[in-house]
């Protein structure tokens, strides 16, 4: 299964940026989101920002991912 994770862009240098989530920073390619700005939320997949999100959608996606992982852990731990 492929998974894209919302992260917030903290820094941009050319076509590369630094994205952050929960204190973890990753260098990401910005080729697919040419209009991205510092402070934007993006979906990161395989090291690439592939879509810009508004903050509400990003936070809802993170909430759903957290819930899915919590439920998955309970199922596997039974």
PDB file of N, CA and C in Angstrom:
ATOM      1  N   UNK A   1       0.839  -1.172   0.000  1.00  0.00           N
ATOM      2  CA  UNK A   1       0.000   0.000   0.000  1.00  0.00           C
ATOM      3  C   UNK A   1       0.885   1.235   0.000  1.00  0.00           C
ATOM      4  N   UNK A   2       0.530   2.203  -0.822  1.00  0.00           N
ATOM      5  CA  UNK A   2       1.237   3.478  -0.864  1.00  0.00           C
ATOM      6  C   UNK A   2       0.529   4.460   0.058  1.00  0.00           C
ATOM      7  N   UNK A   3       1.305   5.318   0.663  1.00  0.00           N
ATOM      8  CA  UNK A   3       0.734   6.260   1.612  1.00  0.00           C
ATOM      9  C   UNK A   3       1.394   7.622   1.435  1.00  0.00           C
ATOM     10  N   UNK A   4       0.576   8.652   1.318  1.00  0.00           N
ATOM     11  CA  UNK A   4       1.063  10.023   1.291  1.00  0.00           C
ATOM     12  C   UNK A   4       0.752  10.649   2.641  1.00  0.00           C
ATOM     13  N   UNK A   5       1.688  11.422   3.170  1.00  0.00           N
ATOM     14  CA  UNK A   5       1.538  11.991   4.504  1.00  0.00           C
ATOM     15  C   UNK A   5       1.563  13.516   4.413  1.00  0.00           C
ATOM     16  N   UNK A   6       0.607  14.193   5.065  1.00  0.00           N
ATOM     17  CA  UNK A   6       0.643  15.653   5.089  1.00  0.00           C
ATOM     18  C   UNK A   6       1.814  16.166   5.935  1.00  0.00           C
ATOM     19  N   UNK A   7       2.526  17.136   5.405  1.00  0.00           N
ATOM     20  CA  UNK A   7       3.604  17.802   6.127  1.00  0.00           C
ATOM     21  C   UNK A   7       3.559  19.281   5.766  1.00  0.00           C
ATOM     22  N   UNK A   8       4.129  20.106   6.627  1.00  0.00           N
ATOM     23  CA  UNK A   8       4.132  21.557   6.424  1.00  0.00           C
ATOM     24  C   UNK A   8       5.487  22.001   5.885  1.00  0.00           C
ATOM     25  N   UNK A   9       5.467  22.834   4.855  1.00  0.00           N
ATOM     26  CA  UNK A   9       6.707  23.334   4.262  1.00  0.00           C
ATOM     27  C   UNK A   9       7.299  24.432   5.155  1.00  0.00           C
ATOM     28  N   UNK A  10       8.546  24.237   5.557  1.00  0.00           N
ATOM     29  CA  UNK A  10       9.236  25.177   6.444  1.00  0.00           C
ATOM     30  C   UNK A  10      10.261  26.036   5.704  1.00  0.00           C
ATOM     31  N   UNK A  11      10.812  25.511   4.602  1.00  0.00           N
ATOM     32  CA  UNK A  11      11.876  26.220   3.896  1.00  0.00           C
ATOM     33  C   UNK A  11      11.862  25.778   2.443  1.00  0.00           C
ATOM     34  N   UNK A  12      12.162  26.712   1.536  1.00  0.00           N
ATOM     35  CA  UNK A  12      12.232  26.393   0.109  1.00  0.00           C
ATOM     36  C   UNK A  12      13.537  26.950  -0.451  1.00  0.00           C
ATOM     37  N   UNK A  13      14.239  26.087  -1.197  1.00  0.00           N
ATOM     38  CA  UNK A  13      15.444  26.491  -1.928  1.00  0.00           C
ATOM     39  C   UNK A  13      15.350  25.883  -3.310  1.00  0.00           C
ATOM     40  N   UNK A  14      14.962  26.696  -4.290  1.00  0.00           N
ATOM     41  CA  UNK A  14      14.798  26.190  -5.653  1.00  0.00           C
ATOM     42  C   UNK A  14      13.649  25.201  -5.719  1.00  0.00           C
ATOM     43  N   UNK A  15      13.935  23.991  -6.215  1.00  0.00           N
ATOM     44  CA  UNK A  15      12.901  22.955  -6.332  1.00  0.00           C
ATOM     45  C   UNK A  15      12.970  21.942  -5.196  1.00  0.00           C
ATOM     46  N   UNK A  16      13.605  22.338  -4.101  1.00  0.00           N
ATOM     47  CA  UNK A  16      13.719  21.482  -2.929  1.00  0.00           C
ATOM     48  C   UNK A  16      13.198  22.247  -1.720  1.00  0.00           C
ATOM     49  N   UNK A  17      12.589  21.516  -0.806  1.00  0.00           N
ATOM     50  CA  UNK A  17      12.086  22.159   0.400  1.00  0.00           C
ATOM     51  C   UNK A  17      12.340  21.297   1.620  1.00  0.00           C
ATOM     52  N   UNK A  18      12.128  21.885   2.769  1.00  0.00           N
ATOM     53  CA  UNK A  18      12.154  21.163   4.033  1.00  0.00           C
ATOM     54  C   UNK A  18      10.716  21.118   4.528  1.00  0.00           C
ATOM     55  N   UNK A  19      10.214  19.904   4.731  1.00  0.00           N
ATOM     56  CA  UNK A  19       8.859  19.710   5.245  1.00  0.00           C
ATOM     57  C   UNK A  19       8.964  19.151   6.652  1.00  0.00           C
ATOM     58  N   UNK A  20       7.977  19.516   7.507  1.00  0.00           N
ATOM     59  CA  UNK A  20       8.020  19.123   8.918  1.00  0.00           C
ATOM     60  C   UNK A  20       6.670  18.605   9.380  1.00  0.00           C
ATOM     61  N   UNK A  21       6.741  17.602  10.244  1.00  0.00           N
ATOM     62  CA  UNK A  21       5.558  17.081  10.921  1.00  0.00           C
ATOM     63  C   UNK A  21       5.995  16.550  12.279  1.00  0.00           C
ATOM     64  N   UNK A  22       5.389  17.043  13.325  1.00  0.00           N
ATOM     65  CA  UNK A  22       5.673  16.594  14.697  1.00  0.00           C
ATOM     66  C   UNK A  22       7.154  16.667  15.043  1.00  0.00           C
ATOM     67  N   UNK A  23       7.821  17.713  14.568  1.00  0.00           N
ATOM     68  CA  UNK A  23       9.234  17.902  14.877  1.00  0.00           C
ATOM     69  C   UNK A  23      10.194  17.146  13.979  1.00  0.00           C
ATOM     70  N   UNK A  24       9.683  16.331  13.088  1.00  0.00           N
ATOM     71  CA  UNK A  24      10.528  15.580  12.155  1.00  0.00           C
ATOM     72  C   UNK A  24      10.579  16.336  10.836  1.00  0.00           C
ATOM     73  N   UNK A  25      11.784  16.627  10.373  1.00  0.00           N
ATOM     74  CA  UNK A  25      11.971  17.349   9.119  1.00  0.00           C
ATOM     75  C   UNK A  25      12.549  16.433   8.059  1.00  0.00           C
ATOM     76  N   UNK A  26      12.075  16.639   6.827  1.00  0.00           N
ATOM     77  CA  UNK A  26      12.552  15.856   5.684  1.00  0.00           C
ATOM     78  C   UNK A  26      12.781  16.784   4.501  1.00  0.00           C
ATOM     79  N   UNK A  27      13.825  16.508   3.736  1.00  0.00           N
ATOM     80  CA  UNK A  27      14.031  17.222   2.483  1.00  0.00           C
ATOM     81  C   UNK A  27      13.109  16.596   1.447  1.00  0.00           C
ATOM     82  N   UNK A  28      12.391  17.446   0.704  1.00  0.00           N
ATOM     83  CA  UNK A  28      11.436  16.950  -0.277  1.00  0.00           C
ATOM     84  C   UNK A  28      11.598  17.685  -1.600  1.00  0.00           C
ATOM     85  N   UNK A  29      11.293  16.994  -2.684  1.00  0.00           N
ATOM     86  CA  UNK A  29      11.304  17.595  -4.014  1.00  0.00           C
ATOM     87  C   UNK A  29       9.977  18.315  -4.235  1.00  0.00           C
ATOM     88  N   UNK A  30      10.045  19.495  -4.840  1.00  0.00           N
ATOM     89  CA  UNK A  30       8.856  20.317  -5.050  1.00  0.00           C
ATOM     90  C   UNK A  30       8.462  20.427  -6.524  1.00  0.00           C
ATOM     91  N   UNK A  31       8.982  19.551  -7.357  1.00  0.00           N
ATOM     92  CA  UNK A  31       8.745  19.609  -8.803  1.00  0.00           C
ATOM     93  C   UNK A  31       7.256  19.589  -9.179  1.00  0.00           C
ATOM     94  N   UNK A  32       6.449  18.872  -8.412  1.00  0.00           N
ATOM     95  CA  UNK A  32       5.035  18.704  -8.759  1.00  0.00           C
ATOM     96  C   UNK A  32       4.128  19.782  -8.168  1.00  0.00           C
ATOM     97  N   UNK A  33       4.688  20.675  -7.358  1.00  0.00           N
ATOM     98  CA  UNK A  33       3.895  21.750  -6.734  1.00  0.00           C
ATOM     99  C   UNK A  33       4.635  23.084  -6.921  1.00  0.00           C
ATOM    100  N   UNK A  34       4.696  23.570  -8.153  1.00  0.00           N
ATOM    101  CA  UNK A  34       5.522  24.752  -8.442  1.00  0.00           C
ATOM    102  C   UNK A  34       5.085  26.030  -7.720  1.00  0.00           C
ATOM    103  N   UNK A  35       3.838  26.114  -7.285  1.00  0.00           N
ATOM    104  CA  UNK A  35       3.346  27.329  -6.623  1.00  0.00           C
ATOM    105  C   UNK A  35       3.352  27.229  -5.102  1.00  0.00           C
ATOM    106  N   UNK A  36       3.981  26.192  -4.545  1.00  0.00           N
ATOM    107  CA  UNK A  36       4.003  26.004  -3.092  1.00  0.00           C
ATOM    108  C   UNK A  36       4.759  27.142  -2.415  1.00  0.00           C
ATOM    109  N   UNK A  37       4.297  27.495  -1.207  1.00  0.00           N
ATOM    110  CA  UNK A  37       4.930  28.558  -0.425  1.00  0.00           C
ATOM    111  C   UNK A  37       5.269  28.034   0.975  1.00  0.00           C
ATOM    112  N   UNK A  38       6.208  28.680   1.631  1.00  0.00           N
ATOM    113  CA  UNK A  38       6.520  28.348   3.020  1.00  0.00           C
ATOM    114  C   UNK A  38       5.234  28.510   3.832  1.00  0.00           C
ATOM    115  N   UNK A  39       4.955  27.509   4.669  1.00  0.00           N
ATOM    116  CA  UNK A  39       3.745  27.512   5.480  1.00  0.00           C
ATOM    117  C   UNK A  39       2.621  26.675   4.888  1.00  0.00           C
ATOM    118  N   UNK A  40       2.736  26.303   3.608  1.00  0.00           N
ATOM    119  CA  UNK A  40       1.721  25.452   2.982  1.00  0.00           C
ATOM    120  C   UNK A  40       1.827  24.019   3.491  1.00  0.00           C
ATOM    121  N   UNK A  41       0.687  23.363   3.555  1.00  0.00           N
ATOM    122  CA  UNK A  41       0.628  21.929   3.827  1.00  0.00           C
ATOM    123  C   UNK A  41       0.640  21.198   2.492  1.00  0.00           C
ATOM    124  N   UNK A  42       1.403  20.112   2.423  1.00  0.00           N
ATOM    125  CA  UNK A  42       1.483  19.310   1.201  1.00  0.00           C
ATOM    126  C   UNK A  42       1.412  17.831   1.552  1.00  0.00           C
ATOM    127  N   UNK A  43       1.019  17.031   0.581  1.00  0.00           N
ATOM    128  CA  UNK A  43       1.083  15.573   0.724  1.00  0.00           C
ATOM    129  C   UNK A  43       2.458  15.138   0.227  1.00  0.00           C
ATOM    130  N   UNK A  44       3.177  14.389   1.056  1.00  0.00           N
ATOM    131  CA  UNK A  44       4.500  13.875   0.699  1.00  0.00           C
ATOM    132  C   UNK A  44       4.385  12.381   0.400  1.00  0.00           C
ATOM    133  N   UNK A  45       4.912  11.994  -0.767  1.00  0.00           N
ATOM    134  CA  UNK A  45       4.944  10.578  -1.139  1.00  0.00           C
ATOM    135  C   UNK A  45       6.280  10.307  -1.819  1.00  0.00           C
ATOM    136  N   UNK A  46       7.005   9.343  -1.306  1.00  0.00           N
ATOM    137  CA  UNK A  46       8.289   8.918  -1.878  1.00  0.00           C
ATOM    138  C   UNK A  46       9.256  10.087  -2.072  1.00  0.00           C
ATOM    139  N   UNK A  47       9.249  11.028  -1.109  1.00  0.00           N
ATOM    140  CA  UNK A  47      10.190  12.134  -1.160  1.00  0.00           C
ATOM    141  C   UNK A  47       9.748  13.319  -2.003  1.00  0.00           C
ATOM    142  N   UNK A  48       8.549  13.255  -2.568  1.00  0.00           N
ATOM    143  CA  UNK A  48       8.023  14.334  -3.395  1.00  0.00           C
ATOM    144  C   UNK A  48       6.777  14.939  -2.767  1.00  0.00           C
ATOM    145  N   UNK A  49       6.675  16.262  -2.810  1.00  0.00           N
ATOM    146  CA  UNK A  49       5.415  16.930  -2.487  1.00  0.00           C
ATOM    147  C   UNK A  49       4.557  16.785  -3.742  1.00  0.00           C
ATOM    148  N   UNK A  50       3.392  16.146  -3.598  1.00  0.00           N
ATOM    149  CA  UNK A  50       2.587  15.859  -4.788  1.00  0.00           C
ATOM    150  C   UNK A  50       1.293  16.655  -4.853  1.00  0.00           C
ATOM    151  N   UNK A  51       0.929  17.332  -3.751  1.00  0.00           N
ATOM    152  CA  UNK A  51      -0.312  18.103  -3.746  1.00  0.00           C
ATOM    153  C   UNK A  51      -0.285  19.098  -2.589  1.00  0.00           C
ATOM    154  N   UNK A  52      -0.798  20.298  -2.834  1.00  0.00           N
ATOM    155  CA  UNK A  52      -0.953  21.293  -1.775  1.00  0.00           C
ATOM    156  C   UNK A  52      -2.340  21.105  -1.158  1.00  0.00           C
ATOM    157  N   UNK A  53      -2.395  21.160   0.182  1.00  0.00           N
ATOM    158  CA  UNK A  53      -3.653  21.025   0.918  1.00  0.00           C
ATOM    159  C   UNK A  53      -3.909  22.275   1.738  1.00  0.00           C
ATOM    160  N   UNK A  54      -5.192  22.541   2.034  1.00  0.00           N
ATOM    161  CA  UNK A  54      -5.437  23.585   3.020  1.00  0.00           C
ATOM    162  C   UNK A  54      -5.241  22.951   4.399  1.00  0.00           C
ATOM    163  N   UNK A  55      -5.051  23.786   5.410  1.00  0.00           N
ATOM    164  CA  UNK A  55      -4.712  23.288   6.745  1.00  0.00           C
ATOM    165  C   UNK A  55      -5.797  22.377   7.309  1.00  0.00           C
ATOM    166  N   UNK A  56      -7.053  22.720   7.087  1.00  0.00           N
ATOM    167  CA  UNK A  56      -8.155  21.904   7.606  1.00  0.00           C
ATOM    168  C   UNK A  56      -8.103  20.479   7.056  1.00  0.00           C
ATOM    169  N   UNK A  57      -7.882  20.344   5.751  1.00  0.00           N
ATOM    170  CA  UNK A  57      -7.790  19.003   5.151  1.00  0.00           C
ATOM    171  C   UNK A  57      -6.564  18.248   5.644  1.00  0.00           C
ATOM    172  N   UNK A  58      -5.449  18.950   5.797  1.00  0.00           N
ATOM    173  CA  UNK A  58      -4.221  18.307   6.277  1.00  0.00           C
ATOM    174  C   UNK A  58      -4.411  17.752   7.683  1.00  0.00           C
ATOM    175  N   UNK A  59      -4.994  18.550   8.567  1.00  0.00           N
ATOM    176  CA  UNK A  59      -5.179  18.108   9.952  1.00  0.00           C
ATOM    177  C   UNK A  59      -6.204  16.983  10.044  1.00  0.00           C
ATOM    178  N   UNK A  60      -7.243  17.030   9.229  1.00  0.00           N
ATOM    179  CA  UNK A  60      -8.231  15.946   9.215  1.00  0.00           C
ATOM    180  C   UNK A  60      -7.595  14.648   8.703  1.00  0.00           C
ATOM    181  N   UNK A  61      -6.765  14.744   7.688  1.00  0.00           N
ATOM    182  CA  UNK A  61      -6.072  13.562   7.169  1.00  0.00           C
ATOM    183  C   UNK A  61      -5.161  12.959   8.233  1.00  0.00           C
ATOM    184  N   UNK A  62      -4.427  13.808   8.954  1.00  0.00           N
ATOM    185  CA  UNK A  62      -3.566  13.308  10.027  1.00  0.00           C
ATOM    186  C   UNK A  62      -4.380  12.636  11.128  1.00  0.00           C
ATOM    187  N   UNK A  63      -5.531  13.208  11.459  1.00  0.00           N
ATOM    188  CA  UNK A  63      -6.398  12.608  12.471  1.00  0.00           C
ATOM    189  C   UNK A  63      -6.879  11.227  12.027  1.00  0.00           C
ATOM    190  N   UNK A  64      -7.274  11.117  10.770  1.00  0.00           N
ATOM    191  CA  UNK A  64      -7.751   9.828  10.248  1.00  0.00           C
ATOM    192  C   UNK A  64      -6.629   8.786  10.193  1.00  0.00           C
ATOM    193  N   UNK A  65      -5.427   9.213   9.804  1.00  0.00           N
ATOM    194  CA  UNK A  65      -4.288   8.285   9.790  1.00  0.00           C
ATOM    195  C   UNK A  65      -3.979   7.787  11.195  1.00  0.00           C
ATOM    196  N   UNK A  66      -3.993   8.702  12.157  1.00  0.00           N
ATOM    197  CA  UNK A  66      -3.733   8.327  13.546  1.00  0.00           C
ATOM    198  C   UNK A  66      -4.776   7.318  14.033  1.00  0.00           C
ATOM    199  N   UNK A  67      -6.028   7.569  13.722  1.00  0.00           N
ATOM    200  CA  UNK A  67      -7.101   6.655  14.116  1.00  0.00           C
ATOM    201  C   UNK A  67      -6.934   5.281  13.457  1.00  0.00           C
ATOM    202  N   UNK A  68      -6.598   5.270  12.170  1.00  0.00           N
ATOM    203  CA  UNK A  68      -6.408   4.003  11.456  1.00  0.00           C
ATOM    204  C   UNK A  68      -5.263   3.195  12.064  1.00  0.00           C
ATOM    205  N   UNK A  69      -4.160   3.858  12.397  1.00  0.00           N
ATOM    206  CA  UNK A  69      -3.030   3.147  13.000  1.00  0.00           C
ATOM    207  C   UNK A  69      -3.389   2.620  14.384  1.00  0.00           C
ATOM    208  N   UNK A  70      -4.148   3.395  15.136  1.00  0.00           N
ATOM    209  CA  UNK A  70      -4.564   2.966  16.470  1.00  0.00           C
ATOM    210  C   UNK A  70      -5.460   1.722  16.366  1.00  0.00           C
ATOM    211  N   UNK A  71      -6.421   1.751  15.471  1.00  0.00           N
ATOM    212  CA  UNK A  71      -7.337   0.611  15.281  1.00  0.00           C
ATOM    213  C   UNK A  71      -6.553  -0.595  14.757  1.00  0.00           C
ATOM    214  N   UNK A  72      -5.659  -0.374  13.830  1.00  0.00           N
ATOM    215  CA  UNK A  72      -4.861  -1.465  13.267  1.00  0.00           C
ATOM    216  C   UNK A  72      -4.024  -2.142  14.348  1.00  0.00           C
ATOM    217  N   UNK A  73      -3.443  -1.363  15.233  1.00  0.00           N
ATOM    218  CA  UNK A  73      -2.646  -1.924  16.329  1.00  0.00           C
ATOM    219  C   UNK A  73      -3.479  -2.742  17.275  1.00  0.00           C
ATOM    220  N   UNK A  74      -4.708  -2.319  17.548  1.00  0.00           N
ATOM    221  CA  UNK A  74      -5.598  -3.070  18.412  1.00  0.00           C
ATOM    222  C   UNK A  74      -5.979  -4.398  17.776  1.00  0.00           C
ATOM    223  N   UNK A  75      -6.237  -4.392  16.477  1.00  0.00           N
ATOM    224  CA  UNK A  75      -6.623  -5.614  15.774  1.00  0.00           C
ATOM    225  C   UNK A  75      -5.459  -6.599  15.776  1.00  0.00           C
ATOM    226  N   UNK A  76      -4.241  -6.117  15.470  1.00  0.00           N
ATOM    227  CA  UNK A  76      -3.080  -6.991  15.415  1.00  0.00           C
ATOM    228  C   UNK A  76      -2.709  -7.501  16.798  1.00  0.00           C
ATOM    229  N   UNK A  77      -2.962  -6.710  17.828  1.00  0.00           N
ATOM    230  CA  UNK A  77      -2.577  -7.088  19.189  1.00  0.00           C
ATOM    231  C   UNK A  77      -3.557  -8.043  19.861  1.00  0.00           C
ATOM    232  N   UNK A  78      -4.662  -8.356  19.220  1.00  0.00           N
ATOM    233  CA  UNK A  78      -5.662  -9.241  19.855  1.00  0.00           C
ATOM    234  C   UNK A  78      -5.231 -10.682  19.815  1.00  0.00           C
TER     235      UNK A  78
END
